[in-house]
Amino acid sequence: MPAPEQEVEAPPDPKEPLSDPVRDSFVKFRQAHQDEILRVQTFMAKPLSDNPAILNEQVRQAEAWYGRMTTLLAWANSYLKLAEEDKLVPKGKDVTDLDREKTLAAAVAEERRFRDVIEGLAESIDKRVSLVQSMMRAINAEGRMGT
């Protein structure tokens, strides 16, 4: 009786990189939060209102987004650090420190770019909150002077 045919797995294509658990985890993280990042970018693109009630609501939303962005920033920094540790080229006689730095920078560019976007949003939100607080103080001072 002949042996049943067994499926033989094809060898990996040398042109395709093997699975990278650190990168795979980062990609899932980025994909899970991409829509949230876009919502914050849309929120930040809206101009501030002159109406104190609306301005107050805008600062409350900004404060909430700031808390969320700083949390995502902490995670993004962790993913960047893991990627840097994973992709660091070992020292060798044929590899200069400059080569190692450039190779590392290229290998973690995606993680760094995503972290930089989140960091920029967090900084922008922080500045907006400070601006709105100053605007609210000015509005309140005008109100007291006019009475």
C-alpha atoms as a PDB file:
ATOM      1  CA  MET A   1       0.000   0.000   0.000  1.00  0.00           C
ATOM      2  CA  PRO A   2       1.495   3.362  -1.015  1.00  0.00           C
ATOM      3  CA  ALA A   3       2.144   6.011   1.644  1.00  0.00           C
ATOM      4  CA  PRO A   4      -0.339   8.879   1.707  1.00  0.00           C
ATOM      5  CA  GLU A   5       0.925  11.973  -0.008  1.00  0.00           C
ATOM      6  CA  GLN A   6       2.246  14.558   2.381  1.00  0.00           C
ATOM      7  CA  GLU A   7       2.207  18.219   1.627  1.00  0.00           C
ATOM      8  CA  VAL A   8       5.710  19.567   1.541  1.00  0.00           C
ATOM      9  CA  GLU A   9       6.197  23.125   2.675  1.00  0.00           C
ATOM     10  CA  ALA A  10       8.028  25.268   0.145  1.00  0.00           C
ATOM     11  CA  PRO A  11      11.248  26.857   1.362  1.00  0.00           C
ATOM     12  CA  PRO A  12      11.010  30.556   2.187  1.00  0.00           C
ATOM     13  CA  ASP A  13      11.644  32.983  -0.635  1.00  0.00           C
ATOM     14  CA  PRO A  14      15.070  34.550   0.044  1.00  0.00           C
ATOM     15  CA  LYS A  15      13.786  37.865  -1.325  1.00  0.00           C
ATOM     16  CA  GLU A  16      11.100  38.096   1.379  1.00  0.00           C
ATOM     17  CA  PRO A  17      12.140  38.868   4.955  1.00  0.00           C
ATOM     18  CA  LEU A  18      11.328  36.286   7.593  1.00  0.00           C
ATOM     19  CA  SER A  19       8.705  37.106  10.174  1.00  0.00           C
ATOM     20  CA  ASP A  20       9.888  39.718  12.648  1.00  0.00           C
ATOM     21  CA  PRO A  21       7.918  39.528  15.919  1.00  0.00           C
ATOM     22  CA  VAL A  22       9.037  42.990  17.084  1.00  0.00           C
ATOM     23  CA  ARG A  23       8.022  44.620  13.793  1.00  0.00           C
ATOM     24  CA  ASP A  24       4.803  42.584  13.578  1.00  0.00           C
ATOM     25  CA  SER A  25       3.785  43.754  17.042  1.00  0.00           C
ATOM     26  CA  PHE A  26       4.555  47.371  16.170  1.00  0.00           C
ATOM     27  CA  VAL A  27       2.573  47.159  12.907  1.00  0.00           C
ATOM     28  CA  LYS A  28      -0.457  45.862  14.823  1.00  0.00           C
ATOM     29  CA  PHE A  29      -0.082  48.704  17.346  1.00  0.00           C
ATOM     30  CA  ARG A  30       0.180  51.312  14.572  1.00  0.00           C
ATOM     31  CA  GLN A  31      -2.806  49.922  12.687  1.00  0.00           C
ATOM     32  CA  ALA A  32      -4.899  49.768  15.859  1.00  0.00           C
ATOM     33  CA  HIS A  33      -4.323  53.475  16.549  1.00  0.00           C
ATOM     34  CA  GLN A  34      -4.100  54.994  13.063  1.00  0.00           C
ATOM     35  CA  ASP A  35      -7.756  56.125  13.029  1.00  0.00           C
ATOM     36  CA  GLU A  36      -7.343  57.665  16.463  1.00  0.00           C
ATOM     37  CA  ILE A  37      -4.314  59.631  15.247  1.00  0.00           C
ATOM     38  CA  LEU A  38      -6.325  60.890  12.273  1.00  0.00           C
ATOM     39  CA  ARG A  39      -9.158  61.997  14.584  1.00  0.00           C
ATOM     40  CA  VAL A  40      -6.696  63.991  16.699  1.00  0.00           C
ATOM     41  CA  GLN A  41      -5.138  65.546  13.590  1.00  0.00           C
ATOM     42  CA  THR A  42      -8.626  66.540  12.403  1.00  0.00           C
ATOM     43  CA  PHE A  43      -9.460  67.958  15.837  1.00  0.00           C
ATOM     44  CA  MET A  44      -6.250  69.989  15.885  1.00  0.00           C
ATOM     45  CA  ALA A  45      -6.923  71.379  12.402  1.00  0.00           C
ATOM     46  CA  LYS A  46     -10.113  73.090  13.621  1.00  0.00           C
ATOM     47  CA  PRO A  47      -9.704  76.747  14.614  1.00  0.00           C
ATOM     48  CA  LEU A  48     -10.374  77.862  18.162  1.00  0.00           C
ATOM     49  CA  SER A  49     -13.671  79.591  18.823  1.00  0.00           C
ATOM     50  CA  ASP A  50     -14.165  83.121  20.147  1.00  0.00           C
ATOM     51  CA  ASN A  51     -17.202  81.932  22.094  1.00  0.00           C
ATOM     52  CA  PRO A  52     -16.148  81.224  25.725  1.00  0.00           C
ATOM     53  CA  ALA A  53     -18.549  78.277  26.119  1.00  0.00           C
ATOM     54  CA  ILE A  54     -17.267  76.589  22.946  1.00  0.00           C
ATOM     55  CA  LEU A  55     -13.696  77.480  23.837  1.00  0.00           C
ATOM     56  CA  ASN A  56     -14.150  75.817  27.226  1.00  0.00           C
ATOM     57  CA  GLU A  57     -15.403  72.650  25.510  1.00  0.00           C
ATOM     58  CA  GLN A  58     -12.474  72.740  23.084  1.00  0.00           C
ATOM     59  CA  VAL A  59      -9.959  72.905  25.930  1.00  0.00           C
ATOM     60  CA  ARG A  60     -11.648  69.995  27.705  1.00  0.00           C
ATOM     61  CA  GLN A  61     -11.443  67.915  24.519  1.00  0.00           C
ATOM     62  CA  ALA A  62      -7.814  68.929  24.039  1.00  0.00           C
ATOM     63  CA  GLU A  63      -6.963  67.917  27.603  1.00  0.00           C
ATOM     64  CA  ALA A  64      -8.573  64.505  27.038  1.00  0.00           C
ATOM     65  CA  TRP A  65      -6.670  64.012  23.791  1.00  0.00           C
ATOM     66  CA  TYR A  66      -3.448  65.104  25.492  1.00  0.00           C
ATOM     67  CA  GLY A  67      -3.792  62.348  28.059  1.00  0.00           C
ATOM     68  CA  ARG A  68      -4.441  59.806  25.327  1.00  0.00           C
ATOM     69  CA  MET A  69      -1.536  60.991  23.166  1.00  0.00           C
ATOM     70  CA  THR A  70       0.929  60.856  26.049  1.00  0.00           C
ATOM     71  CA  THR A  71      -0.151  57.260  26.709  1.00  0.00           C
ATOM     72  CA  LEU A  72       0.333  56.350  23.044  1.00  0.00           C
ATOM     73  CA  LEU A  73       3.652  58.203  23.082  1.00  0.00           C
ATOM     74  CA  ALA A  74       4.893  56.022  25.940  1.00  0.00           C
ATOM     75  CA  TRP A  75       3.970  52.897  23.969  1.00  0.00           C
ATOM     76  CA  ALA A  76       5.488  54.273  20.752  1.00  0.00           C
ATOM     77  CA  ASN A  77       8.734  55.036  22.607  1.00  0.00           C
ATOM     78  CA  SER A  78       8.764  51.459  23.903  1.00  0.00           C
ATOM     79  CA  TYR A  79       8.300  50.046  20.404  1.00  0.00           C
ATOM     80  CA  LEU A  80      11.048  52.291  19.075  1.00  0.00           C
ATOM     81  CA  LYS A  81      13.426  51.186  21.834  1.00  0.00           C
ATOM     82  CA  LEU A  82      12.659  47.509  21.187  1.00  0.00           C
ATOM     83  CA  ALA A  83      13.215  47.973  17.457  1.00  0.00           C
ATOM     84  CA  GLU A  84      16.516  49.764  18.064  1.00  0.00           C
ATOM     85  CA  GLU A  85      17.729  46.967  20.318  1.00  0.00           C
ATOM     86  CA  ASP A  86      16.573  44.338  17.827  1.00  0.00           C
ATOM     87  CA  LYS A  87      18.096  45.991  14.746  1.00  0.00           C
ATOM     88  CA  LEU A  88      21.386  47.205  16.200  1.00  0.00           C
ATOM     89  CA  VAL A  89      24.253  45.945  14.062  1.00  0.00           C
ATOM     90  CA  PRO A  90      27.003  44.399  16.201  1.00  0.00           C
ATOM     91  CA  LYS A  91      30.402  46.029  16.232  1.00  0.00           C
ATOM     92  CA  GLY A  92      32.835  44.507  13.821  1.00  0.00           C
ATOM     93  CA  LYS A  93      36.087  45.258  12.096  1.00  0.00           C
ATOM     94  CA  ASP A  94      34.340  45.835   8.762  1.00  0.00           C
ATOM     95  CA  VAL A  95      31.574  48.036  10.196  1.00  0.00           C
ATOM     96  CA  THR A  96      32.160  51.626  11.272  1.00  0.00           C
ATOM     97  CA  ASP A  97      30.128  53.363  13.955  1.00  0.00           C
ATOM     98  CA  LEU A  98      28.677  55.621  11.256  1.00  0.00           C
ATOM     99  CA  ASP A  99      27.600  52.558   9.246  1.00  0.00           C
ATOM    100  CA  ARG A 100      25.953  51.118  12.340  1.00  0.00           C
ATOM    101  CA  GLU A 101      24.107  54.390  13.061  1.00  0.00           C
ATOM    102  CA  LYS A 102      22.857  54.734   9.482  1.00  0.00           C
ATOM    103  CA  THR A 103      21.786  51.104   9.290  1.00  0.00           C
ATOM    104  CA  LEU A 104      19.948  51.391  12.590  1.00  0.00           C
ATOM    105  CA  ALA A 105      18.244  54.650  11.604  1.00  0.00           C
ATOM    106  CA  ALA A 106      17.006  53.103   8.355  1.00  0.00           C
ATOM    107  CA  ALA A 107      15.854  49.915  10.081  1.00  0.00           C
ATOM    108  CA  VAL A 108      13.688  51.759  12.631  1.00  0.00           C
ATOM    109  CA  ALA A 109      12.497  54.651  10.444  1.00  0.00           C
ATOM    110  CA  GLU A 110       8.872  53.518  10.507  1.00  0.00           C
ATOM    111  CA  GLU A 111       8.784  53.252  14.305  1.00  0.00           C
ATOM    112  CA  ARG A 112      10.531  56.619  14.688  1.00  0.00           C
ATOM    113  CA  ARG A 113       8.191  58.345  12.225  1.00  0.00           C
ATOM    114  CA  PHE A 114       5.087  57.057  14.039  1.00  0.00           C
ATOM    115  CA  ARG A 115       6.551  58.079  17.410  1.00  0.00           C
ATOM    116  CA  ASP A 116       7.418  61.526  16.032  1.00  0.00           C
ATOM    117  CA  VAL A 117       3.845  62.042  14.791  1.00  0.00           C
ATOM    118  CA  ILE A 118       2.427  61.172  18.206  1.00  0.00           C
ATOM    119  CA  GLU A 119       5.027  63.309  19.968  1.00  0.00           C
ATOM    120  CA  GLY A 120       4.215  66.253  17.694  1.00  0.00           C
ATOM    121  CA  LEU A 121       0.502  65.897  18.381  1.00  0.00           C
ATOM    122  CA  ALA A 122       1.064  65.741  22.138  1.00  0.00           C
ATOM    123  CA  GLU A 123       3.217  68.890  22.017  1.00  0.00           C
ATOM    124  CA  SER A 124       0.680  70.709  19.826  1.00  0.00           C
ATOM    125  CA  ILE A 125      -2.169  69.801  22.140  1.00  0.00           C
ATOM    126  CA  ASP A 126      -0.170  70.953  25.168  1.00  0.00           C
ATOM    127  CA  LYS A 127       0.469  74.316  23.497  1.00  0.00           C
ATOM    128  CA  ARG A 128      -3.186  74.624  22.507  1.00  0.00           C
ATOM    129  CA  VAL A 129      -4.320  73.985  26.073  1.00  0.00           C
ATOM    130  CA  SER A 130      -1.941  76.684  27.332  1.00  0.00           C
ATOM    131  CA  LEU A 131      -3.167  79.102  24.666  1.00  0.00           C
ATOM    132  CA  VAL A 132      -6.822  78.464  25.473  1.00  0.00           C
ATOM    133  CA  GLN A 133      -6.171  78.899  29.188  1.00  0.00           C
ATOM    134  CA  SER A 134      -4.546  82.267  28.444  1.00  0.00           C
ATOM    135  CA  MET A 135      -7.477  83.222  26.209  1.00  0.00           C
ATOM    136  CA  MET A 136      -9.954  82.258  28.940  1.00  0.00           C
ATOM    137  CA  ARG A 137      -8.068  84.370  31.508  1.00  0.00           C
ATOM    138  CA  ALA A 138      -8.177  87.329  29.101  1.00  0.00           C
ATOM    139  CA  ILE A 139     -11.886  86.838  28.475  1.00  0.00           C
ATOM    140  CA  ASN A 140     -12.562  86.626  32.221  1.00  0.00           C
ATOM    141  CA  ALA A 141     -10.470  89.758  32.852  1.00  0.00           C
ATOM    142  CA  GLU A 142     -12.408  91.653  30.161  1.00  0.00           C
ATOM    143  CA  GLY A 143     -15.650  90.519  31.755  1.00  0.00           C
ATOM    144  CA  ARG A 144     -14.591  91.797  35.181  1.00  0.00           C
ATOM    145  CA  MET A 145     -13.425  95.151  33.755  1.00  0.00           C
ATOM    146  CA  GLY A 146     -16.658  95.694  31.879  1.00  0.00           C
ATOM    147  CA  THR A 147     -18.852  95.299  34.951  1.00  0.00           C
END
